[in-house]
């Protein structure tokens, strides 16, 4: 489940970025037209909101924060359990593949 702490960290980073401060591990970017994009992730694995969609698009940072709040509500209600499970399985699979490769089995 997406935790409140994770959401708060993301919103804190958005606030720091808005203040012109440099932040690490940005999950969001702004295109030339000013649209804001934010990729949801479970670890490093993109988290699908819909089939093939893991990125939010917002016109303002306030809109982005509102979308993140909506996603948190959906996640708390269990509406993202399937997507979170798929992402967790992909992460476990990546760890197993790396472990097998290191052991010379892949």
PDB file of N, CA and C in Angstrom:
ATOM      1  N   UNK A   1       0.841  -1.177   0.000  1.00  0.00           N
ATOM      2  CA  UNK A   1       0.000   0.000   0.000  1.00  0.00           C
ATOM      3  C   UNK A   1       0.886   1.240   0.000  1.00  0.00           C
ATOM      4  N   UNK A   2       0.443   2.298  -0.650  1.00  0.00           N
ATOM      5  CA  UNK A   2       1.174   3.555  -0.605  1.00  0.00           C
ATOM      6  C   UNK A   2       0.966   4.149   0.772  1.00  0.00           C
ATOM      7  N   UNK A   3       2.036   4.431   1.455  1.00  0.00           N
ATOM      8  CA  UNK A   3       1.899   4.941   2.811  1.00  0.00           C
ATOM      9  C   UNK A   3       1.772   6.450   2.818  1.00  0.00           C
ATOM     10  N   UNK A   4       1.200   6.961   3.879  1.00  0.00           N
ATOM     11  CA  UNK A   4       1.099   8.406   4.048  1.00  0.00           C
ATOM     12  C   UNK A   4       2.481   9.035   4.080  1.00  0.00           C
ATOM     13  N   UNK A   5       3.448   8.334   4.667  1.00  0.00           N
ATOM     14  CA  UNK A   5       4.809   8.854   4.741  1.00  0.00           C
ATOM     15  C   UNK A   5       5.420   9.005   3.353  1.00  0.00           C
ATOM     16  N   UNK A   6       5.191   8.013   2.486  1.00  0.00           N
ATOM     17  CA  UNK A   6       5.701   8.074   1.113  1.00  0.00           C
ATOM     18  C   UNK A   6       5.101   9.275   0.394  1.00  0.00           C
ATOM     19  N   UNK A   7       3.788   9.455   0.521  1.00  0.00           N
ATOM     20  CA  UNK A   7       3.093  10.563  -0.104  1.00  0.00           C
ATOM     21  C   UNK A   7       3.632  11.883   0.431  1.00  0.00           C
ATOM     22  N   UNK A   8       3.844  11.968   1.752  1.00  0.00           N
ATOM     23  CA  UNK A   8       4.359  13.200   2.350  1.00  0.00           C
ATOM     24  C   UNK A   8       5.756  13.505   1.842  1.00  0.00           C
ATOM     25  N   UNK A   9       6.588  12.485   1.668  1.00  0.00           N
ATOM     26  CA  UNK A   9       7.931  12.686   1.134  1.00  0.00           C
ATOM     27  C   UNK A   9       7.855  13.247  -0.279  1.00  0.00           C
ATOM     28  N   UNK A  10       6.956  12.698  -1.088  1.00  0.00           N
ATOM     29  CA  UNK A  10       6.806  13.173  -2.461  1.00  0.00           C
ATOM     30  C   UNK A  10       6.360  14.620  -2.473  1.00  0.00           C
ATOM     31  N   UNK A  11       5.394  14.963  -1.637  1.00  0.00           N
ATOM     32  CA  UNK A  11       4.888  16.333  -1.597  1.00  0.00           C
ATOM     33  C   UNK A  11       5.960  17.280  -1.050  1.00  0.00           C
ATOM     34  N   UNK A  12       6.746  16.828  -0.093  1.00  0.00           N
ATOM     35  CA  UNK A  12       7.852  17.649   0.408  1.00  0.00           C
ATOM     36  C   UNK A  12       8.841  17.943  -0.713  1.00  0.00           C
ATOM     37  N   UNK A  13       9.170  16.917  -1.527  1.00  0.00           N
ATOM     38  CA  UNK A  13      10.089  17.124  -2.649  1.00  0.00           C
ATOM     39  C   UNK A  13       9.507  18.107  -3.659  1.00  0.00           C
ATOM     40  N   UNK A  14       8.216  18.013  -3.906  1.00  0.00           N
ATOM     41  CA  UNK A  14       7.572  18.949  -4.823  1.00  0.00           C
ATOM     42  C   UNK A  14       7.714  20.374  -4.284  1.00  0.00           C
ATOM     43  N   UNK A  15       7.488  20.552  -2.985  1.00  0.00           N
ATOM     44  CA  UNK A  15       7.632  21.872  -2.366  1.00  0.00           C
ATOM     45  C   UNK A  15       9.042  22.411  -2.489  1.00  0.00           C
ATOM     46  N   UNK A  16      10.036  21.568  -2.243  1.00  0.00           N
ATOM     47  CA  UNK A  16      11.433  21.997  -2.367  1.00  0.00           C
ATOM     48  C   UNK A  16      11.757  22.387  -3.806  1.00  0.00           C
ATOM     49  N   UNK A  17      11.268  21.603  -4.758  1.00  0.00           N
ATOM     50  CA  UNK A  17      11.493  21.910  -6.169  1.00  0.00           C
ATOM     51  C   UNK A  17      10.857  23.254  -6.526  1.00  0.00           C
ATOM     52  N   UNK A  18       9.648  23.495  -6.027  1.00  0.00           N
ATOM     53  CA  UNK A  18       8.952  24.751  -6.307  1.00  0.00           C
ATOM     54  C   UNK A  18       9.725  25.947  -5.751  1.00  0.00           C
ATOM     55  N   UNK A  19      10.466  25.720  -4.660  1.00  0.00           N
ATOM     56  CA  UNK A  19      11.264  26.784  -4.050  1.00  0.00           C
ATOM     57  C   UNK A  19      12.604  26.968  -4.760  1.00  0.00           C
ATOM     58  N   UNK A  20      12.830  26.159  -5.807  1.00  0.00           N
ATOM     59  CA  UNK A  20      14.069  26.278  -6.564  1.00  0.00           C
ATOM     60  C   UNK A  20      15.221  25.486  -5.987  1.00  0.00           C
ATOM     61  N   UNK A  21      14.950  24.652  -5.008  1.00  0.00           N
ATOM     62  CA  UNK A  21      16.010  23.851  -4.396  1.00  0.00           C
ATOM     63  C   UNK A  21      16.218  22.571  -5.180  1.00  0.00           C
ATOM     64  N   UNK A  22      17.451  22.127  -5.212  1.00  0.00           N
ATOM     65  CA  UNK A  22      17.792  20.890  -5.921  1.00  0.00           C
ATOM     66  C   UNK A  22      17.386  19.717  -5.061  1.00  0.00           C
ATOM     67  N   UNK A  23      16.754  18.738  -5.690  1.00  0.00           N
ATOM     68  CA  UNK A  23      16.359  17.534  -4.963  1.00  0.00           C
ATOM     69  C   UNK A  23      16.912  16.318  -5.686  1.00  0.00           C
ATOM     70  N   UNK A  24      17.042  15.232  -4.948  1.00  0.00           N
ATOM     71  CA  UNK A  24      17.536  13.995  -5.559  1.00  0.00           C
ATOM     72  C   UNK A  24      16.379  13.077  -5.892  1.00  0.00           C
ATOM     73  N   UNK A  25      16.636  12.168  -6.823  1.00  0.00           N
ATOM     74  CA  UNK A  25      15.685  11.127  -7.195  1.00  0.00           C
ATOM     75  C   UNK A  25      14.321  11.703  -7.563  1.00  0.00           C
ATOM     76  N   UNK A  26      14.324  12.682  -8.435  1.00  0.00           N
ATOM     77  CA  UNK A  26      13.067  13.270  -8.870  1.00  0.00           C
ATOM     78  C   UNK A  26      12.194  12.226  -9.552  1.00  0.00           C
ATOM     79  N   UNK A  27      10.936  12.214  -9.189  1.00  0.00           N
ATOM     80  CA  UNK A  27       9.962  11.353  -9.843  1.00  0.00           C
ATOM     81  C   UNK A  27       9.082  12.177 -10.766  1.00  0.00           C
ATOM     82  N   UNK A  28       9.340  13.461 -10.819  1.00  0.00           N
ATOM     83  CA  UNK A  28       8.521  14.306 -11.661  1.00  0.00           C
ATOM     84  C   UNK A  28       9.411  15.179 -12.527  1.00  0.00           C
ATOM     85  N   UNK A  29       8.841  15.637 -13.639  1.00  0.00           N
ATOM     86  CA  UNK A  29       9.566  16.521 -14.541  1.00  0.00           C
ATOM     87  C   UNK A  29       8.560  17.446 -15.198  1.00  0.00           C
ATOM     88  N   UNK A  30       9.066  18.549 -15.703  1.00  0.00           N
ATOM     89  CA  UNK A  30       8.237  19.568 -16.353  1.00  0.00           C
ATOM     90  C   UNK A  30       8.680  19.651 -17.807  1.00  0.00           C
ATOM     91  N   UNK A  31       7.704  19.568 -18.717  1.00  0.00           N
ATOM     92  CA  UNK A  31       8.059  19.660 -20.136  1.00  0.00           C
ATOM     93  C   UNK A  31       8.142  21.123 -20.565  1.00  0.00           C
ATOM     94  N   UNK A  32       8.515  21.355 -21.801  1.00  0.00           N
ATOM     95  CA  UNK A  32       8.703  22.707 -22.320  1.00  0.00           C
ATOM     96  C   UNK A  32       7.451  23.566 -22.279  1.00  0.00           C
ATOM     97  N   UNK A  33       6.274  22.930 -22.319  1.00  0.00           N
ATOM     98  CA  UNK A  33       5.015  23.671 -22.289  1.00  0.00           C
ATOM     99  C   UNK A  33       4.529  23.919 -20.859  1.00  0.00           C
ATOM    100  N   UNK A  34       5.265  23.409 -19.866  1.00  0.00           N
ATOM    101  CA  UNK A  34       4.899  23.629 -18.469  1.00  0.00           C
ATOM    102  C   UNK A  34       4.056  22.528 -17.852  1.00  0.00           C
ATOM    103  N   UNK A  35       3.747  21.475 -18.610  1.00  0.00           N
ATOM    104  CA  UNK A  35       3.000  20.349 -18.047  1.00  0.00           C
ATOM    105  C   UNK A  35       3.917  19.583 -17.090  1.00  0.00           C
ATOM    106  N   UNK A  36       3.354  19.131 -15.991  1.00  0.00           N
ATOM    107  CA  UNK A  36       4.106  18.408 -14.964  1.00  0.00           C
ATOM    108  C   UNK A  36       3.740  16.927 -15.056  1.00  0.00           C
ATOM    109  N   UNK A  37       4.758  16.094 -15.096  1.00  0.00           N
ATOM    110  CA  UNK A  37       4.564  14.650 -15.167  1.00  0.00           C
ATOM    111  C   UNK A  37       5.177  14.027 -13.919  1.00  0.00           C
ATOM    112  N   UNK A  38       4.503  13.007 -13.388  1.00  0.00           N
ATOM    113  CA  UNK A  38       4.955  12.352 -12.172  1.00  0.00           C
ATOM    114  C   UNK A  38       4.780  10.851 -12.348  1.00  0.00           C
ATOM    115  N   UNK A  39       5.867  10.104 -12.230  1.00  0.00           N
ATOM    116  CA  UNK A  39       5.784   8.654 -12.379  1.00  0.00           C
ATOM    117  C   UNK A  39       5.659   7.997 -11.009  1.00  0.00           C
ATOM    118  N   UNK A  40       4.593   7.243 -10.834  1.00  0.00           N
ATOM    119  CA  UNK A  40       4.415   6.478  -9.606  1.00  0.00           C
ATOM    120  C   UNK A  40       5.293   5.244  -9.681  1.00  0.00           C
ATOM    121  N   UNK A  41       5.932   4.906  -8.570  1.00  0.00           N
ATOM    122  CA  UNK A  41       6.819   3.747  -8.535  1.00  0.00           C
ATOM    123  C   UNK A  41       6.660   2.992  -7.235  1.00  0.00           C
ATOM    124  N   UNK A  42       6.951   1.704  -7.329  1.00  0.00           N
ATOM    125  CA  UNK A  42       7.114   0.842  -6.167  1.00  0.00           C
ATOM    126  C   UNK A  42       8.587   0.492  -6.198  1.00  0.00           C
ATOM    127  N   UNK A  43       9.366   1.106  -5.347  1.00  0.00           N
ATOM    128  CA  UNK A  43      10.822   0.987  -5.466  1.00  0.00           C
ATOM    129  C   UNK A  43      11.220   1.660  -6.766  1.00  0.00           C
ATOM    130  N   UNK A  44      11.904   0.941  -7.626  1.00  0.00           N
ATOM    131  CA  UNK A  44      12.263   1.482  -8.941  1.00  0.00           C
ATOM    132  C   UNK A  44      11.294   1.033 -10.029  1.00  0.00           C
ATOM    133  N   UNK A  45      10.334   0.203  -9.643  1.00  0.00           N
ATOM    134  CA  UNK A  45       9.384  -0.367 -10.596  1.00  0.00           C
ATOM    135  C   UNK A  45       8.213   0.600 -10.827  1.00  0.00           C
ATOM    136  N   UNK A  46       7.929   0.980 -12.089  1.00  0.00           N
ATOM    137  CA  UNK A  46       6.753   1.824 -12.353  1.00  0.00           C
ATOM    138  C   UNK A  46       5.486   1.132 -11.854  1.00  0.00           C
ATOM    139  N   UNK A  47       4.593   1.895 -11.280  1.00  0.00           N
ATOM    140  CA  UNK A  47       3.344   1.386 -10.722  1.00  0.00           C
ATOM    141  C   UNK A  47       2.201   1.798 -11.647  1.00  0.00           C
ATOM    142  N   UNK A  48       1.578   0.818 -12.283  1.00  0.00           N
ATOM    143  CA  UNK A  48       0.526   1.119 -13.255  1.00  0.00           C
ATOM    144  C   UNK A  48      -0.760   1.560 -12.582  1.00  0.00           C
ATOM    145  N   UNK A  49      -1.272   2.711 -13.021  1.00  0.00           N
ATOM    146  CA  UNK A  49      -2.575   3.195 -12.573  1.00  0.00           C
ATOM    147  C   UNK A  49      -3.673   2.565 -13.418  1.00  0.00           C
ATOM    148  N   UNK A  50      -3.376   2.443 -14.702  1.00  0.00           N
ATOM    149  CA  UNK A  50      -4.222   1.776 -15.679  1.00  0.00           C
ATOM    150  C   UNK A  50      -3.271   1.006 -16.575  1.00  0.00           C
ATOM    151  N   UNK A  51      -3.812   0.123 -17.407  1.00  0.00           N
ATOM    152  CA  UNK A  51      -2.965  -0.657 -18.313  1.00  0.00           C
ATOM    153  C   UNK A  51      -2.076   0.288 -19.131  1.00  0.00           C
ATOM    154  N   UNK A  52      -0.762   0.156 -18.949  1.00  0.00           N
ATOM    155  CA  UNK A  52       0.193   0.960 -19.695  1.00  0.00           C
ATOM    156  C   UNK A  52       0.371   2.387 -19.214  1.00  0.00           C
ATOM    157  N   UNK A  53      -0.247   2.759 -18.096  1.00  0.00           N
ATOM    158  CA  UNK A  53      -0.146   4.137 -17.606  1.00  0.00           C
ATOM    159  C   UNK A  53       0.401   4.155 -16.179  1.00  0.00           C
ATOM    160  N   UNK A  54       1.602   4.724 -16.034  1.00  0.00           N
ATOM    161  CA  UNK A  54       2.194   4.843 -14.696  1.00  0.00           C
ATOM    162  C   UNK A  54       2.578   6.287 -14.383  1.00  0.00           C
ATOM    163  N   UNK A  55       2.166   7.197 -15.252  1.00  0.00           N
ATOM    164  CA  UNK A  55       2.559   8.595 -15.087  1.00  0.00           C
ATOM    165  C   UNK A  55       1.343   9.500 -14.987  1.00  0.00           C
ATOM    166  N   UNK A  56       1.363  10.376 -14.002  1.00  0.00           N
ATOM    167  CA  UNK A  56       0.324  11.391 -13.867  1.00  0.00           C
ATOM    168  C   UNK A  56       0.738  12.616 -14.673  1.00  0.00           C
ATOM    169  N   UNK A  57      -0.233  13.364 -15.164  1.00  0.00           N
ATOM    170  CA  UNK A  57       0.031  14.624 -15.851  1.00  0.00           C
ATOM    171  C   UNK A  57      -0.803  15.692 -15.167  1.00  0.00           C
ATOM    172  N   UNK A  58      -0.151  16.795 -14.816  1.00  0.00           N
ATOM    173  CA  UNK A  58      -0.837  17.883 -14.124  1.00  0.00           C
ATOM    174  C   UNK A  58      -0.474  19.216 -14.757  1.00  0.00           C
ATOM    175  N   UNK A  59      -1.363  20.166 -14.624  1.00  0.00           N
ATOM    176  CA  UNK A  59      -1.095  21.493 -15.172  1.00  0.00           C
ATOM    177  C   UNK A  59      -0.407  22.395 -14.155  1.00  0.00           C
ATOM    178  N   UNK A  60      -0.579  22.090 -12.850  1.00  0.00           N
ATOM    179  CA  UNK A  60       0.065  22.852 -11.785  1.00  0.00           C
ATOM    180  C   UNK A  60       0.546  21.889 -10.703  1.00  0.00           C
ATOM    181  N   UNK A  61       1.424  22.366  -9.850  1.00  0.00           N
ATOM    182  CA  UNK A  61       1.870  21.527  -8.734  1.00  0.00           C
ATOM    183  C   UNK A  61       0.725  21.277  -7.760  1.00  0.00           C
ATOM    184  N   UNK A  62      -0.168  22.251  -7.586  1.00  0.00           N
ATOM    185  CA  UNK A  62      -1.327  22.038  -6.723  1.00  0.00           C
ATOM    186  C   UNK A  62      -2.190  20.908  -7.273  1.00  0.00           C
ATOM    187  N   UNK A  63      -2.366  20.869  -8.597  1.00  0.00           N
ATOM    188  CA  UNK A  63      -3.120  19.793  -9.242  1.00  0.00           C
ATOM    189  C   UNK A  63      -2.429  18.450  -9.008  1.00  0.00           C
ATOM    190  N   UNK A  64      -1.104  18.423  -9.095  1.00  0.00           N
ATOM    191  CA  UNK A  64      -0.350  17.191  -8.869  1.00  0.00           C
ATOM    192  C   UNK A  64      -0.544  16.694  -7.438  1.00  0.00           C
ATOM    193  N   UNK A  65      -0.466  17.595  -6.473  1.00  0.00           N
ATOM    194  CA  UNK A  65      -0.664  17.215  -5.072  1.00  0.00           C
ATOM    195  C   UNK A  65      -2.077  16.663  -4.875  1.00  0.00           C
ATOM    196  N   UNK A  66      -3.064  17.281  -5.510  1.00  0.00           N
ATOM    197  CA  UNK A  66      -4.444  16.796  -5.415  1.00  0.00           C
ATOM    198  C   UNK A  66      -4.566  15.384  -5.996  1.00  0.00           C
ATOM    199  N   UNK A  67      -3.918  15.141  -7.132  1.00  0.00           N
ATOM    200  CA  UNK A  67      -3.941  13.807  -7.728  1.00  0.00           C
ATOM    201  C   UNK A  67      -3.287  12.776  -6.810  1.00  0.00           C
ATOM    202  N   UNK A  68      -2.173  13.156  -6.174  1.00  0.00           N
ATOM    203  CA  UNK A  68      -1.510  12.245  -5.242  1.00  0.00           C
ATOM    204  C   UNK A  68      -2.410  11.932  -4.050  1.00  0.00           C
ATOM    205  N   UNK A  69      -3.144  12.937  -3.573  1.00  0.00           N
ATOM    206  CA  UNK A  69      -4.099  12.706  -2.487  1.00  0.00           C
ATOM    207  C   UNK A  69      -5.189  11.722  -2.918  1.00  0.00           C
ATOM    208  N   UNK A  70      -5.677  11.861  -4.148  1.00  0.00           N
ATOM    209  CA  UNK A  70      -6.700  10.949  -4.666  1.00  0.00           C
ATOM    210  C   UNK A  70      -6.163   9.527  -4.762  1.00  0.00           C
ATOM    211  N   UNK A  71      -4.941   9.386  -5.216  1.00  0.00           N
ATOM    212  CA  UNK A  71      -4.331   8.062  -5.329  1.00  0.00           C
ATOM    213  C   UNK A  71      -4.158   7.439  -3.951  1.00  0.00           C
ATOM    214  N   UNK A  72      -3.779   8.245  -2.978  1.00  0.00           N
ATOM    215  CA  UNK A  72      -3.642   7.723  -1.616  1.00  0.00           C
ATOM    216  C   UNK A  72      -4.986   7.197  -1.121  1.00  0.00           C
ATOM    217  N   UNK A  73      -6.063   7.934  -1.371  1.00  0.00           N
ATOM    218  CA  UNK A  73      -7.392   7.501  -0.952  1.00  0.00           C
ATOM    219  C   UNK A  73      -7.758   6.172  -1.614  1.00  0.00           C
ATOM    220  N   UNK A  74      -7.483   6.066  -2.907  1.00  0.00           N
ATOM    221  CA  UNK A  74      -7.755   4.835  -3.648  1.00  0.00           C
ATOM    222  C   UNK A  74      -6.930   3.674  -3.082  1.00  0.00           C
ATOM    223  N   UNK A  75      -5.661   3.938  -2.804  1.00  0.00           N
ATOM    224  CA  UNK A  75      -4.767   2.887  -2.288  1.00  0.00           C
ATOM    225  C   UNK A  75      -5.210   2.411  -0.912  1.00  0.00           C
ATOM    226  N   UNK A  76      -5.590   3.336  -0.040  1.00  0.00           N
ATOM    227  CA  UNK A  76      -6.026   2.971   1.308  1.00  0.00           C
ATOM    228  C   UNK A  76      -7.289   2.110   1.247  1.00  0.00           C
ATOM    229  N   UNK A  77      -8.138   2.372   0.252  1.00  0.00           N
ATOM    230  CA  UNK A  77      -9.373   1.595   0.084  1.00  0.00           C
ATOM    231  C   UNK A  77      -9.117   0.254  -0.608  1.00  0.00           C
ATOM    232  N   UNK A  78      -7.868  -0.028  -0.969  1.00  0.00           N
ATOM    233  CA  UNK A  78      -7.531  -1.305  -1.596  1.00  0.00           C
ATOM    234  C   UNK A  78      -7.605  -1.284  -3.105  1.00  0.00           C
ATOM    235  N   UNK A  79      -7.843  -0.122  -3.675  1.00  0.00           N
ATOM    236  CA  UNK A  79      -8.005  -0.011  -5.117  1.00  0.00           C
ATOM    237  C   UNK A  79      -6.730  -0.159  -5.924  1.00  0.00           C
ATOM    238  N   UNK A  80      -5.588  -0.237  -5.255  1.00  0.00           N
ATOM    239  CA  UNK A  80      -4.324  -0.390  -5.977  1.00  0.00           C
ATOM    240  C   UNK A  80      -3.616  -1.677  -5.592  1.00  0.00           C
ATOM    241  N   UNK A  81      -4.304  -2.549  -4.895  1.00  0.00           N
ATOM    242  CA  UNK A  81      -3.675  -3.782  -4.427  1.00  0.00           C
ATOM    243  C   UNK A  81      -3.115  -4.617  -5.574  1.00  0.00           C
ATOM    244  N   UNK A  82      -3.867  -4.736  -6.657  1.00  0.00           N
ATOM    245  CA  UNK A  82      -3.413  -5.541  -7.791  1.00  0.00           C
ATOM    246  C   UNK A  82      -2.151  -4.942  -8.418  1.00  0.00           C
ATOM    247  N   UNK A  83      -2.139  -3.625  -8.608  1.00  0.00           N
ATOM    248  CA  UNK A  83      -0.975  -2.966  -9.199  1.00  0.00           C
ATOM    249  C   UNK A  83       0.239  -3.075  -8.275  1.00  0.00           C
ATOM    250  N   UNK A  84       0.011  -2.915  -6.984  1.00  0.00           N
ATOM    251  CA  UNK A  84       1.114  -3.029  -6.021  1.00  0.00           C
ATOM    252  C   UNK A  84       1.660  -4.449  -5.981  1.00  0.00           C
ATOM    253  N   UNK A  85       0.779  -5.432  -6.059  1.00  0.00           N
ATOM    254  CA  UNK A  85       1.209  -6.827  -6.064  1.00  0.00           C
ATOM    255  C   UNK A  85       2.037  -7.136  -7.310  1.00  0.00           C
ATOM    256  N   UNK A  86       1.584  -6.658  -8.460  1.00  0.00           N
ATOM    257  CA  UNK A  86       2.327  -6.883  -9.707  1.00  0.00           C
ATOM    258  C   UNK A  86       3.706  -6.229  -9.632  1.00  0.00           C
ATOM    259  N   UNK A  87       3.771  -5.016  -9.100  1.00  0.00           N
ATOM    260  CA  UNK A  87       5.064  -4.326  -8.982  1.00  0.00           C
ATOM    261  C   UNK A  87       5.974  -5.058  -8.004  1.00  0.00           C
ATOM    262  N   UNK A  88       5.424  -5.511  -6.883  1.00  0.00           N
ATOM    263  CA  UNK A  88       6.228  -6.245  -5.892  1.00  0.00           C
ATOM    264  C   UNK A  88       6.774  -7.535  -6.494  1.00  0.00           C
ATOM    265  N   UNK A  89       5.940  -8.236  -7.267  1.00  0.00           N
ATOM    266  CA  UNK A  89       6.402  -9.467  -7.922  1.00  0.00           C
ATOM    267  C   UNK A  89       7.520  -9.171  -8.921  1.00  0.00           C
ATOM    268  N   UNK A  90       7.413  -8.075  -9.648  1.00  0.00           N
ATOM    269  CA  UNK A  90       8.455  -7.704 -10.607  1.00  0.00           C
ATOM    270  C   UNK A  90       9.760  -7.387  -9.880  1.00  0.00           C
ATOM    271  N   UNK A  91       9.663  -6.687  -8.751  1.00  0.00           N
ATOM    272  CA  UNK A  91      10.863  -6.366  -7.971  1.00  0.00           C
ATOM    273  C   UNK A  91      11.516  -7.652  -7.464  1.00  0.00           C
ATOM    274  N   UNK A  92      10.710  -8.582  -6.914  1.00  0.00           N
ATOM    275  CA  UNK A  92      11.254  -9.861  -6.435  1.00  0.00           C
ATOM    276  C   UNK A  92      11.913 -10.632  -7.576  1.00  0.00           C
ATOM    277  N   UNK A  93      11.286 -10.618  -8.738  1.00  0.00           N
ATOM    278  CA  UNK A  93      11.835 -11.317  -9.905  1.00  0.00           C
ATOM    279  C   UNK A  93      13.181 -10.721 -10.309  1.00  0.00           C
ATOM    280  N   UNK A  94      13.278  -9.393 -10.270  1.00  0.00           N
ATOM    281  CA  UNK A  94      14.544  -8.725 -10.607  1.00  0.00           C
ATOM    282  C   UNK A  94      15.641  -9.092  -9.614  1.00  0.00           C
ATOM    283  N   UNK A  95      15.296  -9.155  -8.316  1.00  0.00           N
ATOM    284  CA  UNK A  95      16.282  -9.543  -7.308  1.00  0.00           C
ATOM    285  C   UNK A  95      16.738 -10.982  -7.533  1.00  0.00           C
ATOM    286  N   UNK A  96      15.790 -11.871  -7.827  1.00  0.00           N
ATOM    287  CA  UNK A  96      16.139 -13.274  -8.053  1.00  0.00           C
ATOM    288  C   UNK A  96      17.027 -13.415  -9.289  1.00  0.00           C
ATOM    289  N   UNK A  97      16.710 -12.690 -10.369  1.00  0.00           N
ATOM    290  CA  UNK A  97      17.525 -12.762 -11.584  1.00  0.00           C
ATOM    291  C   UNK A  97      18.938 -12.258 -11.298  1.00  0.00           C
ATOM    292  N   UNK A  98      19.060 -11.194 -10.534  1.00  0.00           N
ATOM    293  CA  UNK A  98      20.387 -10.657 -10.217  1.00  0.00           C
ATOM    294  C   UNK A  98      21.158 -11.645  -9.334  1.00  0.00           C
ATOM    295  N   UNK A  99      20.485 -12.263  -8.390  1.00  0.00           N
ATOM    296  CA  UNK A  99      21.121 -13.231  -7.510  1.00  0.00           C
ATOM    297  C   UNK A  99      21.587 -14.453  -8.315  1.00  0.00           C
ATOM    298  N   UNK A 100      20.713 -14.930  -9.223  1.00  0.00           N
ATOM    299  CA  UNK A 100      21.080 -16.072 -10.048  1.00  0.00           C
ATOM    300  C   UNK A 100      22.270 -15.741 -10.953  1.00  0.00           C
ATOM    301  N   UNK A 101      22.272 -14.543 -11.511  1.00  0.00           N
ATOM    302  CA  UNK A 101      23.370 -14.132 -12.394  1.00  0.00           C
ATOM    303  C   UNK A 101      24.679 -14.075 -11.601  1.00  0.00           C
ATOM    304  N   UNK A 102      24.609 -13.541 -10.401  1.00  0.00           N
ATOM    305  CA  UNK A 102      25.819 -13.455  -9.569  1.00  0.00           C
ATOM    306  C   UNK A 102      26.328 -14.845  -9.199  1.00  0.00           C
ATOM    307  N   UNK A 103      25.406 -15.771  -9.020  1.00  0.00           N
ATOM    308  CA  UNK A 103      25.797 -17.139  -8.656  1.00  0.00           C
ATOM    309  C   UNK A 103      26.187 -17.968  -9.883  1.00  0.00           C
ATOM    310  N   UNK A 104      26.094 -17.362 -11.083  1.00  0.00           N
ATOM    311  CA  UNK A 104      26.482 -18.063 -12.294  1.00  0.00           C
ATOM    312  C   UNK A 104      25.425 -18.989 -12.832  1.00  0.00           C
ATOM    313  N   UNK A 105      24.169 -18.765 -12.408  1.00  0.00           N
ATOM    314  CA  UNK A 105      23.082 -19.632 -12.860  1.00  0.00           C
ATOM    315  C   UNK A 105      22.264 -18.995 -13.977  1.00  0.00           C
ATOM    316  N   UNK A 106      22.626 -17.826 -14.451  1.00  0.00           N
ATOM    317  CA  UNK A 106      21.764 -17.189 -15.450  1.00  0.00           C
ATOM    318  C   UNK A 106      22.523 -16.710 -16.557  1.00  0.00           C
TER     319      UNK A 106
END
